[in-house]
Amino acid sequence: MLFVLYINDLPSVVANYVRIFADDTKVYTRSDVEGAPQILQKDLDSLQDWSQQWLMNFHPEKCHVLKLGNKRSEAVYYMTGTDASGEACSIALEESDFEKDLGVYVDNNLSFSKHVALSAAKANIVMGVIRRSFDYLTVEVFLQLYKSLVRPILEYGHAVWQPQHKTLCQEVERVQRRATKLISSLKDKPYSERLATLKLPCLEHRRKRGDMIEVYKYLHDFYKTERPQFSFFAGRDTRGSTLKLSKPRYRLNVRGNFFSERVVNTWNSLPDQVVTAPSVNAFKARLDAHWKDLPSVFDPECY
């Protein structure tokens, strides 16, 4: 807490957007803004002046530049460091293909393939430990271990990294597909049948369900923070719910996978009784009841 108070004035010295978490600082801006590279470089200089004033120097060799999107600036950014002899010198910041931000690996093309691969690998390691630790797994023990130790790894931050391509969706689902084979009495049954027997929805369905819960929370002001740019449907079509969202137009597929775009069609398909639920728990119960007969609950569409 004292450290947070110590760095609390840091955002005031930069002109662009800045986010701080513990000792991690991110400065960012839109590349299509006139003079963006020059303003960003000036912010880096201001941050170094601030760090020297408070005796908390940045380490340029640990700082990286991540450029997102198809049209990336060719600008090179610099910070002051020291050479081998200890003399001050200007160091060009290394450009990276991905960076870890609050547990999510963000890559420069926003495919999140790196995050999916690392999450699947980590979940598989945990499953391997479980497999070696138990000679026999009952359904109850498996579900408790899987839900508490494995599935959270595969679902952490899914609203951000939702798989855009089928191959990534399959890579995540494959972990649960293999995990359900640990129960000897089910390993020879089809995947969808194993899930139905265990009452374990596929991960694809759970991500869609999680998206709907997040939309509900945003629209009903459960979050005291800036929300995605949702706008309500202003047409004459009165069918469906009273909380219909308008569908934004976009040119690139990657934009269509953003949370505020991809959730619109699914949300608009929900009946008024679901979207106007009085509480989050009531919304979850009504949503599950509305979707209980969907084949995709236990049979992922990405396969």
Protein backbone atom coordinates (compact mmCIF):
# COMPACT_ATOMS: atom_id res chain seq x y z
CA MET A 1 0.00 0.00 0.00
CA LEU A 2 2.83 2.40 0.82
CA PHE A 3 4.40 1.70 -2.58
CA VAL A 4 1.09 2.47 -4.33
CA LEU A 5 0.86 5.78 -2.47
CA TYR A 6 4.46 6.49 -3.40
CA ILE A 7 3.82 6.18 -7.15
CA ASN A 8 0.30 7.62 -7.09
CA ASP A 9 1.32 10.84 -8.89
CA LEU A 10 3.02 9.04 -11.79
CA PRO A 11 0.06 9.34 -14.23
CA SER A 12 0.10 13.13 -13.87
CA VAL A 13 3.45 13.48 -15.66
CA VAL A 14 2.36 11.90 -18.97
CA ALA A 15 0.05 13.15 -21.73
CA ASN A 16 -1.07 9.72 -22.96
CA TYR A 17 -2.95 6.90 -21.27
CA VAL A 18 -1.09 5.18 -18.45
CA ARG A 19 -1.89 2.16 -16.29
CA ILE A 20 0.06 1.13 -13.20
CA PHE A 21 -0.17 -2.10 -11.25
CA ALA A 22 2.36 -2.65 -8.46
CA ASP A 23 5.73 -1.95 -10.12
CA ASP A 24 4.41 -2.48 -13.67
CA THR A 25 3.77 0.65 -15.76
CA LYS A 26 2.14 0.76 -19.20
CA VAL A 27 1.94 3.87 -21.37
CA TYR A 28 -0.08 3.64 -24.55
CA THR A 29 -1.76 5.66 -27.28
CA ARG A 30 -3.44 5.29 -30.67
CA SER A 31 -0.99 5.18 -33.56
CA ASP A 32 -3.34 7.10 -35.88
CA VAL A 33 -3.21 10.23 -33.71
CA GLU A 34 -1.14 13.00 -35.28
CA GLY A 35 2.29 13.19 -33.70
CA ALA A 36 1.65 10.08 -31.58
CA PRO A 37 5.27 8.76 -31.67
CA GLN A 38 6.68 12.14 -30.63
CA ILE A 39 4.18 12.53 -27.78
CA LEU A 40 4.86 8.98 -26.59
CA GLN A 41 8.61 9.57 -26.63
CA LYS A 42 8.08 12.76 -24.63
CA ASP A 43 6.08 10.75 -22.09
CA LEU A 44 8.94 8.28 -21.75
CA ASP A 45 11.31 11.17 -21.10
CA SER A 46 8.92 12.58 -18.49
CA LEU A 47 8.67 9.19 -16.79
CA GLN A 48 12.43 8.97 -16.57
CA ASP A 49 12.63 12.45 -15.08
CA TRP A 50 10.02 11.40 -12.51
CA SER A 51 11.87 8.17 -11.69
CA GLN A 52 15.17 10.00 -11.18
CA GLN A 53 13.51 12.57 -8.93
CA TRP A 54 12.06 9.82 -6.72
CA LEU A 55 15.14 7.56 -6.96
CA MET A 56 13.18 4.74 -8.63
CA ASN A 57 14.96 4.38 -11.94
CA PHE A 58 13.48 2.42 -14.82
CA HIS A 59 15.57 -0.31 -16.45
CA PRO A 60 15.44 0.20 -20.24
CA GLU A 61 16.59 -3.38 -20.86
CA LYS A 62 13.41 -4.60 -19.10
CA CYS A 63 11.10 -2.22 -20.99
CA HIS A 64 9.45 -3.32 -24.22
CA VAL A 65 7.31 -1.90 -27.01
CA LEU A 66 4.21 -3.77 -28.17
CA LYS A 67 2.55 -2.50 -31.36
CA LEU A 68 -0.97 -3.77 -31.98
CA GLY A 69 -2.93 -4.03 -35.21
CA ASN A 70 -2.12 -4.29 -38.91
CA LYS A 71 -0.86 -0.74 -39.47
CA ARG A 72 2.02 -0.46 -37.08
CA SER A 73 4.21 2.57 -36.71
CA GLU A 74 7.88 2.17 -37.58
CA ALA A 75 8.86 4.53 -34.77
CA VAL A 76 11.66 3.50 -32.41
CA TYR A 77 11.48 4.61 -28.79
CA TYR A 78 14.39 5.36 -26.49
CA MET A 79 15.16 5.59 -22.79
CA THR A 80 18.35 6.63 -21.03
CA GLY A 81 20.48 3.84 -19.61
CA THR A 82 24.14 3.08 -19.03
CA ASP A 83 26.71 1.39 -21.24
CA ALA A 84 29.35 -1.16 -20.23
CA SER A 85 31.58 1.59 -18.82
CA GLY A 86 28.78 3.04 -16.71
CA GLU A 87 28.30 6.11 -18.89
CA ALA A 88 24.78 7.38 -19.63
CA CYS A 89 23.57 6.52 -23.12
CA SER A 90 20.37 6.34 -25.13
CA ILE A 91 18.99 2.80 -25.45
CA ALA A 92 16.44 1.76 -28.07
CA LEU A 93 13.58 -0.18 -26.47
CA GLU A 94 13.14 -3.72 -27.73
CA GLU A 95 9.97 -4.41 -29.72
CA SER A 96 8.21 -7.62 -28.66
CA ASP A 97 5.61 -9.85 -30.29
CA PHE A 98 3.66 -10.38 -27.06
CA GLU A 99 3.51 -9.17 -23.47
CA LYS A 100 1.91 -10.53 -20.32
CA ASP A 101 -0.66 -8.17 -18.84
CA LEU A 102 -2.37 -9.18 -15.58
CA GLY A 103 -1.99 -12.85 -16.39
CA VAL A 104 -3.09 -12.64 -20.05
CA TYR A 105 -0.56 -12.87 -22.88
CA VAL A 106 -1.42 -10.22 -25.47
CA ASP A 107 0.21 -10.69 -28.88
CA ASN A 108 0.65 -8.00 -31.51
CA ASN A 109 -2.01 -9.43 -33.87
CA LEU A 110 -4.55 -9.91 -31.05
CA SER A 111 -5.02 -13.59 -31.86
CA PHE A 112 -4.07 -14.60 -28.29
CA SER A 113 -2.53 -17.79 -29.67
CA LYS A 114 0.37 -17.47 -27.22
CA HIS A 115 -2.00 -17.24 -24.26
CA VAL A 116 -4.04 -20.22 -25.43
CA ALA A 117 -0.93 -22.35 -25.94
CA LEU A 118 0.56 -21.50 -22.55
CA SER A 119 -2.75 -21.93 -20.70
CA ALA A 120 -3.37 -25.31 -22.32
CA ALA A 121 0.19 -26.42 -21.51
CA LYS A 122 -0.13 -25.33 -17.88
CA ALA A 123 -3.50 -27.07 -17.49
CA ASN A 124 -2.07 -30.25 -19.01
CA ILE A 125 0.78 -30.20 -16.50
CA VAL A 126 -1.70 -29.98 -13.62
CA MET A 127 -3.74 -32.81 -15.13
CA GLY A 128 -0.57 -34.88 -15.35
CA VAL A 129 0.07 -34.35 -11.65
CA ILE A 130 -3.50 -35.45 -10.86
CA ARG A 131 -3.17 -38.54 -13.05
CA ARG A 132 0.07 -39.60 -11.36
CA SER A 133 -1.29 -38.90 -7.87
CA PHE A 134 -4.39 -41.10 -8.09
CA ASP A 135 -4.61 -44.73 -9.15
CA TYR A 136 -8.37 -44.44 -9.39
CA LEU A 137 -10.60 -41.38 -9.69
CA THR A 138 -14.26 -41.38 -8.76
CA VAL A 139 -16.56 -38.96 -10.53
CA GLU A 140 -16.90 -36.84 -7.40
CA VAL A 141 -13.15 -36.57 -6.79
CA PHE A 142 -12.44 -35.87 -10.46
CA LEU A 143 -15.00 -33.07 -10.66
CA GLN A 144 -13.71 -31.44 -7.50
CA LEU A 145 -10.09 -31.56 -8.66
CA TYR A 146 -10.82 -30.54 -12.24
CA LYS A 147 -13.13 -27.65 -11.37
CA SER A 148 -10.81 -26.23 -8.71
CA LEU A 149 -7.35 -26.83 -10.22
CA VAL A 150 -7.61 -27.20 -14.00
CA ARG A 151 -10.62 -25.40 -15.43
CA PRO A 152 -9.80 -22.02 -13.84
CA ILE A 153 -6.51 -22.02 -15.77
CA LEU A 154 -8.38 -22.48 -19.05
CA GLU A 155 -10.98 -19.82 -18.31
CA TYR A 156 -9.01 -17.04 -16.65
CA GLY A 157 -9.69 -13.74 -18.45
CA HIS A 158 -11.63 -15.44 -21.25
CA ALA A 159 -13.64 -12.26 -21.93
CA VAL A 160 -10.37 -10.77 -23.21
CA TRP A 161 -8.81 -13.66 -25.13
CA GLN A 162 -11.89 -15.41 -26.58
CA PRO A 163 -10.53 -17.71 -29.37
CA GLN A 164 -11.11 -16.18 -32.77
CA HIS A 165 -10.20 -19.28 -34.78
CA LYS A 166 -11.49 -22.84 -34.52
CA THR A 167 -8.00 -24.23 -34.07
CA LEU A 168 -7.51 -22.19 -30.87
CA CYS A 169 -10.95 -23.17 -29.60
CA GLN A 170 -10.07 -26.82 -30.22
CA GLU A 171 -6.73 -26.43 -28.44
CA VAL A 172 -8.48 -25.27 -25.27
CA GLU A 173 -11.28 -27.84 -25.52
CA ARG A 174 -8.77 -30.63 -26.08
CA VAL A 175 -7.56 -30.29 -22.49
CA GLN A 176 -11.00 -31.02 -21.08
CA ARG A 177 -11.50 -33.71 -23.71
CA ARG A 178 -8.43 -35.57 -22.43
CA ALA A 179 -9.21 -34.86 -18.79
CA THR A 180 -12.61 -36.56 -18.90
CA LYS A 181 -10.90 -39.76 -20.05
CA LEU A 182 -9.29 -40.07 -16.62
CA ILE A 183 -12.52 -41.66 -15.42
CA SER A 184 -12.12 -45.26 -16.52
CA SER A 185 -15.84 -45.95 -16.85
CA LEU A 186 -16.25 -43.08 -19.34
CA LYS A 187 -13.06 -43.09 -21.40
CA ASP A 188 -14.53 -45.13 -24.28
CA LYS A 189 -17.63 -42.96 -24.64
CA PRO A 190 -17.89 -39.98 -27.03
CA TYR A 191 -16.81 -36.62 -25.64
CA SER A 192 -20.31 -35.11 -25.63
CA GLU A 193 -21.67 -38.16 -23.81
CA ARG A 194 -18.91 -37.96 -21.20
CA LEU A 195 -19.76 -34.31 -20.58
CA ALA A 196 -23.49 -34.99 -20.32
CA THR A 197 -22.87 -37.81 -17.84
CA LEU A 198 -20.65 -35.57 -15.72
CA LYS A 199 -22.99 -32.58 -16.19
CA LEU A 200 -19.90 -30.70 -17.28
CA PRO A 201 -20.60 -28.16 -20.06
CA CYS A 202 -18.01 -27.80 -22.80
CA LEU A 203 -15.60 -24.89 -22.39
CA GLU A 204 -16.92 -23.18 -25.51
CA HIS A 205 -20.41 -23.00 -24.00
CA ARG A 206 -19.06 -21.80 -20.66
CA ARG A 207 -17.21 -18.93 -22.36
CA LYS A 208 -20.40 -17.87 -24.13
CA ARG A 209 -22.31 -18.10 -20.84
CA GLY A 210 -19.59 -16.07 -19.13
CA ASP A 211 -19.87 -13.41 -21.83
CA MET A 212 -23.61 -13.09 -21.20
CA ILE A 213 -23.05 -12.75 -17.45
CA GLU A 214 -20.54 -9.96 -18.08
CA VAL A 215 -22.96 -8.12 -20.41
CA TYR A 216 -25.69 -8.39 -17.77
CA LYS A 217 -23.37 -6.93 -15.14
CA TYR A 218 -22.31 -4.06 -17.39
CA LEU A 219 -25.84 -3.14 -18.46
CA HIS A 220 -27.15 -3.29 -14.90
CA ASP A 221 -24.26 -1.22 -13.50
CA PHE A 222 -22.70 -3.89 -11.32
CA TYR A 223 -19.27 -2.58 -12.32
CA LYS A 224 -18.28 0.86 -11.10
CA THR A 225 -15.90 1.36 -14.00
CA GLU A 226 -15.82 2.36 -17.63
CA ARG A 227 -17.82 -0.17 -19.60
CA PRO A 228 -17.64 -1.31 -23.26
CA GLN A 229 -19.30 0.95 -25.80
CA PHE A 230 -22.74 -0.65 -25.82
CA SER A 231 -25.68 1.20 -27.37
CA PHE A 232 -29.27 0.06 -27.23
CA PHE A 233 -31.18 -0.87 -30.37
CA ALA A 234 -33.33 2.04 -31.55
CA GLY A 235 -35.32 0.27 -34.28
CA ARG A 236 -39.01 -0.55 -34.42
CA ASP A 237 -38.56 -4.27 -33.94
CA THR A 238 -40.16 -5.01 -30.57
CA ARG A 239 -39.62 -8.76 -30.69
CA GLY A 240 -37.34 -10.30 -28.09
CA SER A 241 -36.06 -8.34 -25.13
CA THR A 242 -36.38 -4.69 -24.18
CA LEU A 243 -32.60 -4.49 -23.72
CA LYS A 244 -31.54 -5.21 -27.29
CA LEU A 245 -28.13 -3.89 -28.31
CA SER A 246 -27.30 -2.34 -31.66
CA LYS A 247 -24.78 -4.20 -33.80
CA PRO A 248 -21.70 -2.07 -34.54
CA ARG A 249 -20.17 -2.18 -37.99
CA TYR A 250 -16.60 -3.33 -38.36
CA ARG A 251 -14.25 -4.03 -41.23
CA LEU A 252 -11.72 -6.46 -39.73
CA ASN A 253 -12.48 -9.89 -38.29
CA VAL A 254 -10.27 -9.19 -35.29
CA ARG A 255 -12.56 -6.28 -34.39
CA GLY A 256 -15.58 -8.56 -34.59
CA ASN A 257 -14.01 -10.73 -31.89
CA PHE A 258 -13.84 -7.84 -29.41
CA PHE A 259 -16.14 -8.31 -26.44
CA SER A 260 -18.45 -5.40 -27.28
CA GLU A 261 -19.04 -6.76 -30.79
CA ARG A 262 -19.13 -10.53 -30.44
CA VAL A 263 -21.73 -10.62 -27.64
CA VAL A 264 -24.44 -8.62 -29.41
CA ASN A 265 -26.14 -11.36 -31.45
CA THR A 266 -26.23 -13.83 -28.58
CA TRP A 267 -27.48 -11.23 -26.11
CA ASN A 268 -30.21 -10.05 -28.48
CA SER A 269 -31.44 -13.63 -28.88
CA LEU A 270 -32.26 -13.89 -25.16
CA PRO A 271 -35.87 -13.33 -24.05
CA ASP A 272 -36.89 -10.41 -21.90
CA GLN A 273 -37.47 -12.66 -18.89
CA VAL A 274 -33.77 -13.55 -18.87
CA VAL A 275 -32.13 -10.16 -19.50
CA THR A 276 -34.33 -8.35 -16.97
CA ALA A 277 -33.58 -10.76 -14.12
CA PRO A 278 -33.43 -8.95 -10.76
CA SER A 279 -30.02 -10.31 -9.73
CA VAL A 280 -26.93 -12.01 -11.13
CA ASN A 281 -27.90 -15.36 -9.59
CA ALA A 282 -31.40 -15.07 -11.03
CA PHE A 283 -29.93 -14.24 -14.43
CA LYS A 284 -27.65 -17.29 -14.31
CA ALA A 285 -30.55 -19.57 -13.35
CA ARG A 286 -32.84 -18.20 -16.08
CA LEU A 287 -30.08 -18.32 -18.68
CA ASP A 288 -29.26 -21.95 -17.86
CA ALA A 289 -32.94 -22.88 -18.02
CA HIS A 290 -33.29 -21.13 -21.39
CA TRP A 291 -30.23 -22.89 -22.83
CA LYS A 292 -30.62 -26.29 -21.17
CA ASP A 293 -31.72 -28.07 -24.38
CA LEU A 294 -29.07 -26.59 -26.67
CA PRO A 295 -26.89 -29.31 -28.26
CA SER A 296 -23.88 -26.99 -27.92
CA VAL A 297 -23.98 -27.25 -24.11
CA PHE A 298 -22.17 -30.59 -24.26
CA ASP A 299 -21.16 -30.68 -27.94
CA PRO A 300 -18.76 -27.85 -28.88
CA GLU A 301 -19.34 -26.30 -32.29
CA CYS A 302 -15.61 -25.93 -32.94
CA TYR A 303 -15.29 -29.70 -33.53
